[in-house]
């Protein structure tokens, strides 16, 4: 049993290069990630608009591919089963969109 285990850790830390302990401040951030709060808010709004448009487009495409009119069944006929199918389609499309935006 070692009496001074912290000495082993200090020796290992001293042997490692200093670049492992600190980020290089001169290196630019890679990719499109936001550098300021304004950029982050702008990107968030842009992704929200794109996501909503794609979710609506996915629902409309699903409505066109199925027999009958899903929107009409939900609004005019108050069909709960059709509303559940429509909601599940929108959620499925949103999950795919979110996964693609996250990379």
N, C-alpha and C. Protein backbone atom coordinates (compact mmCIF):
# COMPACT_ATOMS: atom_id res chain seq x y z
N UNK A 1 0.84 -1.17 0.00
CA UNK A 1 0.00 0.00 0.00
C UNK A 1 0.89 1.24 0.00
N UNK A 2 0.60 2.13 -0.92
CA UNK A 2 1.39 3.34 -1.04
C UNK A 2 0.94 4.36 0.01
N UNK A 3 1.91 4.94 0.69
CA UNK A 3 1.60 5.88 1.74
C UNK A 3 1.18 7.25 1.19
N UNK A 4 1.66 7.61 -0.01
CA UNK A 4 1.38 8.91 -0.61
C UNK A 4 0.84 8.72 -2.04
N UNK A 5 -0.43 8.36 -2.18
CA UNK A 5 -0.96 8.11 -3.53
C UNK A 5 -1.06 9.39 -4.37
N UNK A 6 -1.17 10.53 -3.74
CA UNK A 6 -1.28 11.78 -4.50
C UNK A 6 0.03 12.11 -5.21
N UNK A 7 1.16 11.61 -4.69
CA UNK A 7 2.44 11.84 -5.36
C UNK A 7 2.51 11.14 -6.71
N UNK A 8 1.90 9.98 -6.81
CA UNK A 8 1.87 9.27 -8.09
C UNK A 8 1.04 10.07 -9.10
N UNK A 9 -0.10 10.57 -8.66
CA UNK A 9 -0.94 11.39 -9.54
C UNK A 9 -0.24 12.65 -9.97
N UNK A 10 0.49 13.29 -9.07
CA UNK A 10 1.22 14.51 -9.41
C UNK A 10 2.35 14.22 -10.39
N UNK A 11 3.00 13.08 -10.24
CA UNK A 11 4.07 12.71 -11.16
C UNK A 11 3.52 12.44 -12.56
N UNK A 12 2.38 11.79 -12.62
CA UNK A 12 1.75 11.52 -13.93
C UNK A 12 1.31 12.83 -14.57
N UNK A 13 0.73 13.73 -13.79
CA UNK A 13 0.28 15.01 -14.33
C UNK A 13 1.45 15.87 -14.81
N UNK A 14 2.58 15.79 -14.13
CA UNK A 14 3.75 16.56 -14.53
C UNK A 14 4.35 16.01 -15.82
N UNK A 15 4.16 14.72 -16.07
CA UNK A 15 4.74 14.10 -17.27
C UNK A 15 3.89 14.37 -18.51
N UNK A 16 2.63 14.71 -18.33
CA UNK A 16 1.75 14.95 -19.48
C UNK A 16 2.02 16.33 -20.08
N UNK A 17 1.80 16.47 -21.38
CA UNK A 17 2.02 17.79 -22.00
C UNK A 17 0.98 18.80 -21.51
N UNK A 18 1.35 20.07 -21.42
CA UNK A 18 0.43 21.09 -20.90
C UNK A 18 -0.77 21.32 -21.81
N UNK A 19 -0.69 20.93 -23.07
CA UNK A 19 -1.82 21.17 -23.98
C UNK A 19 -3.04 20.34 -23.60
N UNK A 20 -2.87 19.31 -22.79
CA UNK A 20 -4.01 18.52 -22.36
C UNK A 20 -4.84 19.21 -21.28
N UNK A 21 -4.25 20.19 -20.61
CA UNK A 21 -4.91 20.82 -19.49
C UNK A 21 -5.65 22.11 -19.83
N UNK A 22 -5.30 22.75 -20.91
CA UNK A 22 -5.90 24.03 -21.26
C UNK A 22 -6.21 24.07 -22.75
N UNK A 23 -7.29 24.73 -23.09
CA UNK A 23 -7.65 24.91 -24.49
C UNK A 23 -6.78 26.00 -25.09
N UNK A 24 -6.56 25.89 -26.37
CA UNK A 24 -5.78 26.89 -27.09
C UNK A 24 -6.68 28.09 -27.36
N UNK A 25 -6.44 29.25 -26.75
CA UNK A 25 -7.35 30.38 -26.94
C UNK A 25 -7.30 30.95 -28.36
N UNK A 26 -6.24 30.71 -29.09
CA UNK A 26 -6.13 31.26 -30.44
C UNK A 26 -6.86 30.41 -31.47
N UNK A 27 -7.20 29.17 -31.12
CA UNK A 27 -7.85 28.28 -32.07
C UNK A 27 -9.33 28.66 -32.22
N UNK A 28 -9.81 28.82 -33.45
CA UNK A 28 -11.23 29.13 -33.63
C UNK A 28 -12.10 27.91 -33.38
N UNK A 29 -13.33 28.15 -32.99
CA UNK A 29 -14.27 27.06 -32.75
C UNK A 29 -14.66 26.43 -34.08
N UNK A 30 -14.60 25.11 -34.17
CA UNK A 30 -14.93 24.47 -35.44
C UNK A 30 -16.44 24.43 -35.67
N UNK A 31 -16.83 24.50 -36.93
CA UNK A 31 -18.23 24.33 -37.29
C UNK A 31 -19.05 25.59 -37.22
N UNK A 32 -20.34 25.42 -37.17
CA UNK A 32 -21.28 26.53 -37.22
C UNK A 32 -21.82 26.89 -35.83
N UNK A 33 -21.26 26.37 -34.78
CA UNK A 33 -21.77 26.62 -33.44
C UNK A 33 -21.70 28.10 -33.10
N UNK A 34 -22.69 28.57 -32.37
CA UNK A 34 -22.81 29.99 -32.04
C UNK A 34 -21.68 30.43 -31.13
N UNK A 35 -21.19 31.64 -31.38
CA UNK A 35 -20.13 32.22 -30.57
C UNK A 35 -20.67 33.26 -29.58
N UNK A 36 -21.87 33.78 -29.86
CA UNK A 36 -22.48 34.78 -28.97
C UNK A 36 -23.92 34.38 -28.67
N UNK A 37 -24.50 35.09 -27.72
CA UNK A 37 -25.89 34.82 -27.36
C UNK A 37 -26.82 35.19 -28.52
N UNK A 38 -26.52 36.26 -29.22
CA UNK A 38 -27.34 36.66 -30.37
C UNK A 38 -27.34 35.60 -31.47
N UNK A 39 -26.17 35.03 -31.74
CA UNK A 39 -26.10 33.96 -32.74
C UNK A 39 -26.89 32.75 -32.28
N UNK A 40 -26.82 32.42 -31.00
CA UNK A 40 -27.54 31.26 -30.48
C UNK A 40 -29.05 31.45 -30.61
N UNK A 41 -29.53 32.64 -30.28
CA UNK A 41 -30.96 32.93 -30.40
C UNK A 41 -31.39 32.90 -31.87
N UNK A 42 -30.56 33.45 -32.75
CA UNK A 42 -30.87 33.44 -34.17
C UNK A 42 -30.93 32.02 -34.71
N UNK A 43 -29.95 31.19 -34.36
CA UNK A 43 -29.95 29.80 -34.81
C UNK A 43 -31.15 29.05 -34.26
N UNK A 44 -31.50 29.31 -32.99
CA UNK A 44 -32.64 28.64 -32.40
C UNK A 44 -33.93 29.00 -33.13
N UNK A 45 -34.11 30.28 -33.44
CA UNK A 45 -35.31 30.71 -34.17
C UNK A 45 -35.33 30.12 -35.57
N UNK A 46 -34.19 30.09 -36.23
CA UNK A 46 -34.12 29.52 -37.57
C UNK A 46 -34.45 28.04 -37.56
N UNK A 47 -33.88 27.29 -36.62
CA UNK A 47 -34.17 25.86 -36.53
C UNK A 47 -35.63 25.62 -36.15
N UNK A 48 -36.20 26.47 -35.30
CA UNK A 48 -37.61 26.31 -34.93
C UNK A 48 -38.51 26.50 -36.14
N UNK A 49 -38.25 27.53 -36.93
CA UNK A 49 -39.07 27.78 -38.13
C UNK A 49 -38.91 26.63 -39.12
N UNK A 50 -37.68 26.20 -39.36
CA UNK A 50 -37.45 25.09 -40.30
C UNK A 50 -38.13 23.83 -39.79
N UNK A 51 -38.03 23.55 -38.49
CA UNK A 51 -38.65 22.36 -37.92
C UNK A 51 -40.16 22.37 -38.02
N UNK A 52 -40.78 23.52 -37.76
CA UNK A 52 -42.24 23.61 -37.84
C UNK A 52 -42.71 23.45 -39.28
N UNK A 53 -42.01 24.09 -40.21
CA UNK A 53 -42.38 23.97 -41.62
C UNK A 53 -42.25 22.52 -42.09
N UNK A 54 -41.16 21.84 -41.70
CA UNK A 54 -40.98 20.46 -42.11
C UNK A 54 -41.99 19.52 -41.45
N UNK A 55 -42.39 19.81 -40.20
CA UNK A 55 -43.40 18.99 -39.54
C UNK A 55 -44.75 19.13 -40.24
N UNK A 56 -45.12 20.34 -40.60
CA UNK A 56 -46.38 20.54 -41.33
C UNK A 56 -46.32 19.89 -42.70
N UNK A 57 -45.18 20.03 -43.37
CA UNK A 57 -45.02 19.40 -44.69
C UNK A 57 -45.10 17.88 -44.59
N UNK A 58 -44.49 17.29 -43.56
CA UNK A 58 -44.58 15.84 -43.36
C UNK A 58 -46.00 15.38 -43.10
N UNK A 59 -46.76 16.15 -42.33
CA UNK A 59 -48.17 15.81 -42.09
C UNK A 59 -48.97 15.89 -43.39
N UNK A 60 -48.74 16.93 -44.18
CA UNK A 60 -49.47 17.08 -45.44
C UNK A 60 -49.13 15.96 -46.42
N UNK A 61 -47.86 15.56 -46.46
CA UNK A 61 -47.46 14.45 -47.34
C UNK A 61 -48.13 13.16 -46.89
N UNK A 62 -48.17 12.92 -45.57
CA UNK A 62 -48.85 11.73 -45.06
C UNK A 62 -50.33 11.77 -45.39
N UNK A 63 -50.96 12.94 -45.28
CA UNK A 63 -52.37 13.09 -45.60
C UNK A 63 -52.64 12.78 -47.07
N UNK A 64 -51.73 13.18 -47.94
CA UNK A 64 -51.89 12.91 -49.38
C UNK A 64 -51.70 11.43 -49.70
N UNK A 65 -50.85 10.75 -48.96
CA UNK A 65 -50.53 9.34 -49.25
C UNK A 65 -51.57 8.37 -48.72
N UNK A 66 -52.41 8.79 -47.82
CA UNK A 66 -53.41 7.91 -47.24
C UNK A 66 -54.75 8.12 -47.93
N UNK A 67 -55.58 7.07 -47.97
CA UNK A 67 -56.91 7.25 -48.56
C UNK A 67 -57.78 8.14 -47.68
N UNK A 68 -58.61 8.94 -48.30
CA UNK A 68 -59.45 9.87 -47.56
C UNK A 68 -58.67 11.12 -47.20
N UNK A 69 -59.33 11.99 -46.48
CA UNK A 69 -58.72 13.25 -46.06
C UNK A 69 -58.62 13.26 -44.55
N UNK A 70 -57.41 13.09 -44.05
CA UNK A 70 -57.19 13.00 -42.61
C UNK A 70 -57.58 14.30 -41.91
N UNK A 71 -57.24 15.42 -42.50
CA UNK A 71 -57.57 16.71 -41.90
C UNK A 71 -59.09 16.89 -41.80
N UNK A 72 -59.78 16.49 -42.83
CA UNK A 72 -61.24 16.61 -42.83
C UNK A 72 -61.86 15.68 -41.79
N UNK A 73 -61.31 14.49 -41.65
CA UNK A 73 -61.82 13.57 -40.63
C UNK A 73 -61.65 14.13 -39.22
N UNK A 74 -60.53 14.78 -39.00
CA UNK A 74 -60.26 15.31 -37.66
C UNK A 74 -61.12 16.53 -37.37
N UNK A 75 -61.20 17.47 -38.30
CA UNK A 75 -61.89 18.74 -38.06
C UNK A 75 -63.40 18.61 -38.17
N UNK A 76 -63.89 18.06 -39.26
CA UNK A 76 -65.33 18.04 -39.51
C UNK A 76 -66.05 16.88 -38.81
N UNK A 77 -65.46 15.71 -38.86
CA UNK A 77 -66.13 14.52 -38.32
C UNK A 77 -65.74 14.22 -36.87
N UNK A 78 -64.80 14.98 -36.33
CA UNK A 78 -64.34 14.81 -34.94
C UNK A 78 -63.93 13.37 -34.64
N UNK A 79 -63.16 12.78 -35.56
CA UNK A 79 -62.71 11.41 -35.43
C UNK A 79 -61.47 11.37 -34.55
N UNK A 80 -61.61 10.81 -33.35
CA UNK A 80 -60.51 10.78 -32.38
C UNK A 80 -59.39 9.86 -32.86
N UNK A 81 -59.73 8.74 -33.48
CA UNK A 81 -58.71 7.82 -33.97
C UNK A 81 -57.86 8.49 -35.05
N UNK A 82 -58.48 9.25 -35.92
CA UNK A 82 -57.74 9.98 -36.95
C UNK A 82 -56.84 11.04 -36.33
N UNK A 83 -57.32 11.67 -35.26
CA UNK A 83 -56.50 12.67 -34.57
C UNK A 83 -55.28 12.03 -33.92
N UNK A 84 -55.45 10.84 -33.36
CA UNK A 84 -54.32 10.13 -32.77
C UNK A 84 -53.30 9.75 -33.84
N UNK A 85 -53.77 9.28 -35.00
CA UNK A 85 -52.87 8.96 -36.10
C UNK A 85 -52.13 10.21 -36.57
N UNK A 86 -52.86 11.33 -36.72
CA UNK A 86 -52.23 12.58 -37.14
C UNK A 86 -51.19 13.05 -36.15
N UNK A 87 -51.49 12.94 -34.86
CA UNK A 87 -50.53 13.36 -33.83
C UNK A 87 -49.29 12.47 -33.84
N UNK A 88 -49.49 11.17 -34.03
CA UNK A 88 -48.33 10.28 -34.06
C UNK A 88 -47.46 10.53 -35.29
N UNK A 89 -48.07 10.90 -36.41
CA UNK A 89 -47.29 11.24 -37.60
C UNK A 89 -46.48 12.50 -37.35
N UNK A 90 -47.10 13.51 -36.76
CA UNK A 90 -46.38 14.75 -36.47
C UNK A 90 -45.23 14.50 -35.49
N UNK A 91 -45.47 13.72 -34.44
CA UNK A 91 -44.41 13.42 -33.48
C UNK A 91 -43.27 12.63 -34.13
N UNK A 92 -43.61 11.66 -34.96
CA UNK A 92 -42.59 10.89 -35.66
C UNK A 92 -41.74 11.76 -36.57
N UNK A 93 -42.38 12.64 -37.32
CA UNK A 93 -41.64 13.54 -38.20
C UNK A 93 -40.78 14.48 -37.37
N UNK A 94 -41.28 14.98 -36.25
CA UNK A 94 -40.51 15.89 -35.41
C UNK A 94 -39.28 15.21 -34.80
N UNK A 95 -39.41 13.93 -34.44
CA UNK A 95 -38.27 13.21 -33.90
C UNK A 95 -37.19 13.05 -34.97
N UNK A 96 -37.60 12.76 -36.20
CA UNK A 96 -36.64 12.63 -37.30
C UNK A 96 -35.97 13.96 -37.58
N UNK A 97 -36.75 15.05 -37.58
CA UNK A 97 -36.18 16.38 -37.84
C UNK A 97 -35.20 16.76 -36.74
N UNK A 98 -35.56 16.51 -35.48
CA UNK A 98 -34.66 16.84 -34.37
C UNK A 98 -33.37 16.05 -34.44
N UNK A 99 -33.47 14.77 -34.78
CA UNK A 99 -32.26 13.96 -34.89
C UNK A 99 -31.37 14.45 -36.03
N UNK A 100 -31.97 14.88 -37.11
CA UNK A 100 -31.15 15.36 -38.23
C UNK A 100 -30.52 16.72 -37.90
N UNK A 101 -31.18 17.56 -37.12
CA UNK A 101 -30.62 18.85 -36.76
C UNK A 101 -29.49 18.70 -35.74
N UNK A 102 -29.59 17.70 -34.88
CA UNK A 102 -28.54 17.49 -33.89
C UNK A 102 -27.29 16.90 -34.52
N UNK A 103 -27.46 16.21 -35.63
CA UNK A 103 -26.31 15.67 -36.35
C UNK A 103 -26.02 14.31 -35.90
